[in-house]
Amino acid sequence: GFRAFHESGQHLRDGDLLVQRMQLRFWLQISRDTCYNRRMATTRVPESVFDRALWPCHEEYETDVFSAVSTRDLGPIVNISGEIPPQENSQQGCSQREPFPTL
């Protein structure tokens, strides 16, 4: 999986220049079943690996990220459903951003 906001909660709380400079952050939320189906359609792993390692690590990471948001160690994150078509995701994302400043 991809951890866009760092490898652990400690890194989030300590801050990172790249993340601190992000003016807009997105979290694509998908269900366990969707995640499992997508994983098995790409790089298959034993079901026990998914159940005992991959999904629990994702849940822990999600908790770390949103904990950092709630304590303001990390700026706000726009939560978007990863269950909807990509075109709708991009529309939701674009509706959240401020216009780019003119130079």
C-alpha atoms as a PDB file:
ATOM      1  CA  GLY A   1       0.000   0.000   0.000  1.00  0.00           C
ATOM      2  CA  PHE A   2       0.937   3.634  -0.283  1.00  0.00           C
ATOM      3  CA  ARG A   3       1.273   5.825   2.789  1.00  0.00           C
ATOM      4  CA  ALA A   4       1.102   9.338   1.461  1.00  0.00           C
ATOM      5  CA  PHE A   5       1.383  11.004   4.854  1.00  0.00           C
ATOM      6  CA  HIS A   6       4.460   9.072   6.142  1.00  0.00           C
ATOM      7  CA  GLU A   7       5.392   5.741   7.555  1.00  0.00           C
ATOM      8  CA  SER A   8       4.240   6.168  11.141  1.00  0.00           C
ATOM      9  CA  GLY A   9       2.319   8.400  13.478  1.00  0.00           C
ATOM     10  CA  GLN A  10       5.617   9.549  14.993  1.00  0.00           C
ATOM     11  CA  HIS A  11       6.712  10.981  11.672  1.00  0.00           C
ATOM     12  CA  LEU A  12       3.378  12.732  11.338  1.00  0.00           C
ATOM     13  CA  ARG A  13       3.651  14.353  14.759  1.00  0.00           C
ATOM     14  CA  ASP A  14       7.267  15.384  14.149  1.00  0.00           C
ATOM     15  CA  GLY A  15       6.256  16.920  10.823  1.00  0.00           C
ATOM     16  CA  ASP A  16       7.852  16.746   7.452  1.00  0.00           C
ATOM     17  CA  LEU A  17       8.495  19.597   5.076  1.00  0.00           C
ATOM     18  CA  LEU A  18       6.727  17.926   2.168  1.00  0.00           C
ATOM     19  CA  VAL A  19       3.559  17.175   4.137  1.00  0.00           C
ATOM     20  CA  GLN A  20       3.624  20.565   5.836  1.00  0.00           C
ATOM     21  CA  ARG A  21       3.717  22.209   2.439  1.00  0.00           C
ATOM     22  CA  MET A  22       0.712  20.288   1.143  1.00  0.00           C
ATOM     23  CA  GLN A  23      -2.172  22.709   1.058  1.00  0.00           C
ATOM     24  CA  LEU A  24      -4.692  20.034   0.222  1.00  0.00           C
ATOM     25  CA  ARG A  25      -4.687  16.382   1.272  1.00  0.00           C
ATOM     26  CA  PHE A  26      -7.075  13.647   0.182  1.00  0.00           C
ATOM     27  CA  TRP A  27      -7.997  10.358   1.799  1.00  0.00           C
ATOM     28  CA  LEU A  28      -9.696   7.860  -0.514  1.00  0.00           C
ATOM     29  CA  GLN A  29     -11.833   5.727   1.776  1.00  0.00           C
ATOM     30  CA  ILE A  30     -12.646   2.198   0.640  1.00  0.00           C
ATOM     31  CA  SER A  31     -14.231  -0.717   2.405  1.00  0.00           C
ATOM     32  CA  ARG A  32     -12.328  -3.797   3.491  1.00  0.00           C
ATOM     33  CA  ASP A  33     -14.075  -5.838   0.782  1.00  0.00           C
ATOM     34  CA  THR A  34     -13.170  -3.371  -1.959  1.00  0.00           C
ATOM     35  CA  CYS A  35      -9.574  -3.271  -0.750  1.00  0.00           C
ATOM     36  CA  TYR A  36      -9.407  -7.059  -0.644  1.00  0.00           C
ATOM     37  CA  ASN A  37     -10.890  -7.441  -4.140  1.00  0.00           C
ATOM     38  CA  ARG A  38      -8.550  -4.843  -5.629  1.00  0.00           C
ATOM     39  CA  ARG A  39      -5.551  -6.408  -3.930  1.00  0.00           C
ATOM     40  CA  MET A  40      -6.411  -9.874  -5.184  1.00  0.00           C
ATOM     41  CA  ALA A  41      -6.965  -8.534  -8.703  1.00  0.00           C
ATOM     42  CA  THR A  42      -3.454  -7.038  -8.803  1.00  0.00           C
ATOM     43  CA  THR A  43      -0.850  -8.602  -6.518  1.00  0.00           C
ATOM     44  CA  ARG A  44      -2.375 -11.612  -4.843  1.00  0.00           C
ATOM     45  CA  VAL A  45      -1.398 -12.495  -1.285  1.00  0.00           C
ATOM     46  CA  PRO A  46      -2.669 -15.292   0.933  1.00  0.00           C
ATOM     47  CA  GLU A  47      -5.939 -14.341   2.587  1.00  0.00           C
ATOM     48  CA  SER A  48      -4.306 -14.793   5.989  1.00  0.00           C
ATOM     49  CA  VAL A  49      -1.679 -12.156   5.078  1.00  0.00           C
ATOM     50  CA  PHE A  50      -4.403  -9.725   4.109  1.00  0.00           C
ATOM     51  CA  ASP A  51      -6.445 -10.437   7.248  1.00  0.00           C
ATOM     52  CA  ARG A  52      -3.581 -10.509   9.750  1.00  0.00           C
ATOM     53  CA  ALA A  53      -1.164  -7.959   8.313  1.00  0.00           C
ATOM     54  CA  LEU A  54      -2.254  -5.758   5.431  1.00  0.00           C
ATOM     55  CA  TRP A  55      -5.709  -4.688   6.575  1.00  0.00           C
ATOM     56  CA  PRO A  56      -4.781  -4.260  10.271  1.00  0.00           C
ATOM     57  CA  CYS A  57      -1.755  -2.154   9.253  1.00  0.00           C
ATOM     58  CA  HIS A  58      -4.006  -0.013   7.078  1.00  0.00           C
ATOM     59  CA  GLU A  59      -6.444   0.499   9.959  1.00  0.00           C
ATOM     60  CA  GLU A  60      -3.582   1.447  12.288  1.00  0.00           C
ATOM     61  CA  TYR A  61      -2.222   3.899   9.733  1.00  0.00           C
ATOM     62  CA  GLU A  62      -5.678   5.431   9.226  1.00  0.00           C
ATOM     63  CA  THR A  63      -5.991   5.892  12.992  1.00  0.00           C
ATOM     64  CA  ASP A  64      -2.547   7.548  13.141  1.00  0.00           C
ATOM     65  CA  VAL A  65      -3.333   9.919  10.277  1.00  0.00           C
ATOM     66  CA  PHE A  66      -6.712  11.055  11.566  1.00  0.00           C
ATOM     67  CA  SER A  67      -5.374  11.310  15.115  1.00  0.00           C
ATOM     68  CA  ALA A  68      -2.716  13.691  13.803  1.00  0.00           C
ATOM     69  CA  VAL A  69      -5.439  15.670  12.029  1.00  0.00           C
ATOM     70  CA  SER A  70      -7.563  15.893  15.191  1.00  0.00           C
ATOM     71  CA  THR A  71      -4.602  17.131  17.252  1.00  0.00           C
ATOM     72  CA  ARG A  72      -3.665  19.520  14.417  1.00  0.00           C
ATOM     73  CA  ASP A  73      -0.254  17.932  13.982  1.00  0.00           C
ATOM     74  CA  LEU A  74      -1.359  17.416  10.393  1.00  0.00           C
ATOM     75  CA  GLY A  75      -3.590  19.752   8.439  1.00  0.00           C
ATOM     76  CA  PRO A  76      -7.088  18.862   7.292  1.00  0.00           C
ATOM     77  CA  ILE A  77      -7.753  15.979   4.943  1.00  0.00           C
ATOM     78  CA  VAL A  78     -10.611  15.804   2.450  1.00  0.00           C
ATOM     79  CA  ASN A  79     -12.250  12.399   2.792  1.00  0.00           C
ATOM     80  CA  ILE A  80     -13.458  11.062  -0.563  1.00  0.00           C
ATOM     81  CA  SER A  81     -15.134   7.754  -1.280  1.00  0.00           C
ATOM     82  CA  GLY A  82     -12.926   5.405  -3.256  1.00  0.00           C
ATOM     83  CA  GLU A  83     -16.049   3.400  -4.047  1.00  0.00           C
ATOM     84  CA  ILE A  84     -17.288   5.874  -6.662  1.00  0.00           C
ATOM     85  CA  PRO A  85     -16.084   6.229 -10.272  1.00  0.00           C
ATOM     86  CA  PRO A  86     -12.743   8.067 -10.724  1.00  0.00           C
ATOM     87  CA  GLN A  87     -14.432  10.916 -12.599  1.00  0.00           C
ATOM     88  CA  GLU A  88     -16.596  11.670  -9.566  1.00  0.00           C
ATOM     89  CA  ASN A  89     -13.534  11.500  -7.292  1.00  0.00           C
ATOM     90  CA  SER A  90     -11.736  14.101  -9.364  1.00  0.00           C
ATOM     91  CA  GLN A  91     -14.828  16.326  -9.366  1.00  0.00           C
ATOM     92  CA  GLN A  92     -15.031  16.089  -5.564  1.00  0.00           C
ATOM     93  CA  GLY A  93     -11.329  16.867  -5.251  1.00  0.00           C
ATOM     94  CA  CYS A  94     -11.432  19.835  -7.599  1.00  0.00           C
ATOM     95  CA  SER A  95     -14.411  21.300  -5.761  1.00  0.00           C
ATOM     96  CA  GLN A  96     -12.324  21.393  -2.550  1.00  0.00           C
ATOM     97  CA  ARG A  97      -9.378  23.405  -3.763  1.00  0.00           C
ATOM     98  CA  GLU A  98      -8.928  27.124  -3.706  1.00  0.00           C
ATOM     99  CA  PRO A  99      -8.085  28.779  -7.003  1.00  0.00           C
ATOM    100  CA  PHE A 100      -4.358  28.862  -7.660  1.00  0.00           C
ATOM    101  CA  PRO A 101      -2.814  32.245  -6.910  1.00  0.00           C
ATOM    102  CA  THR A 102      -1.960  34.369  -9.903  1.00  0.00           C
ATOM    103  CA  LEU A 103       1.632  35.427 -10.356  1.00  0.00           C
END
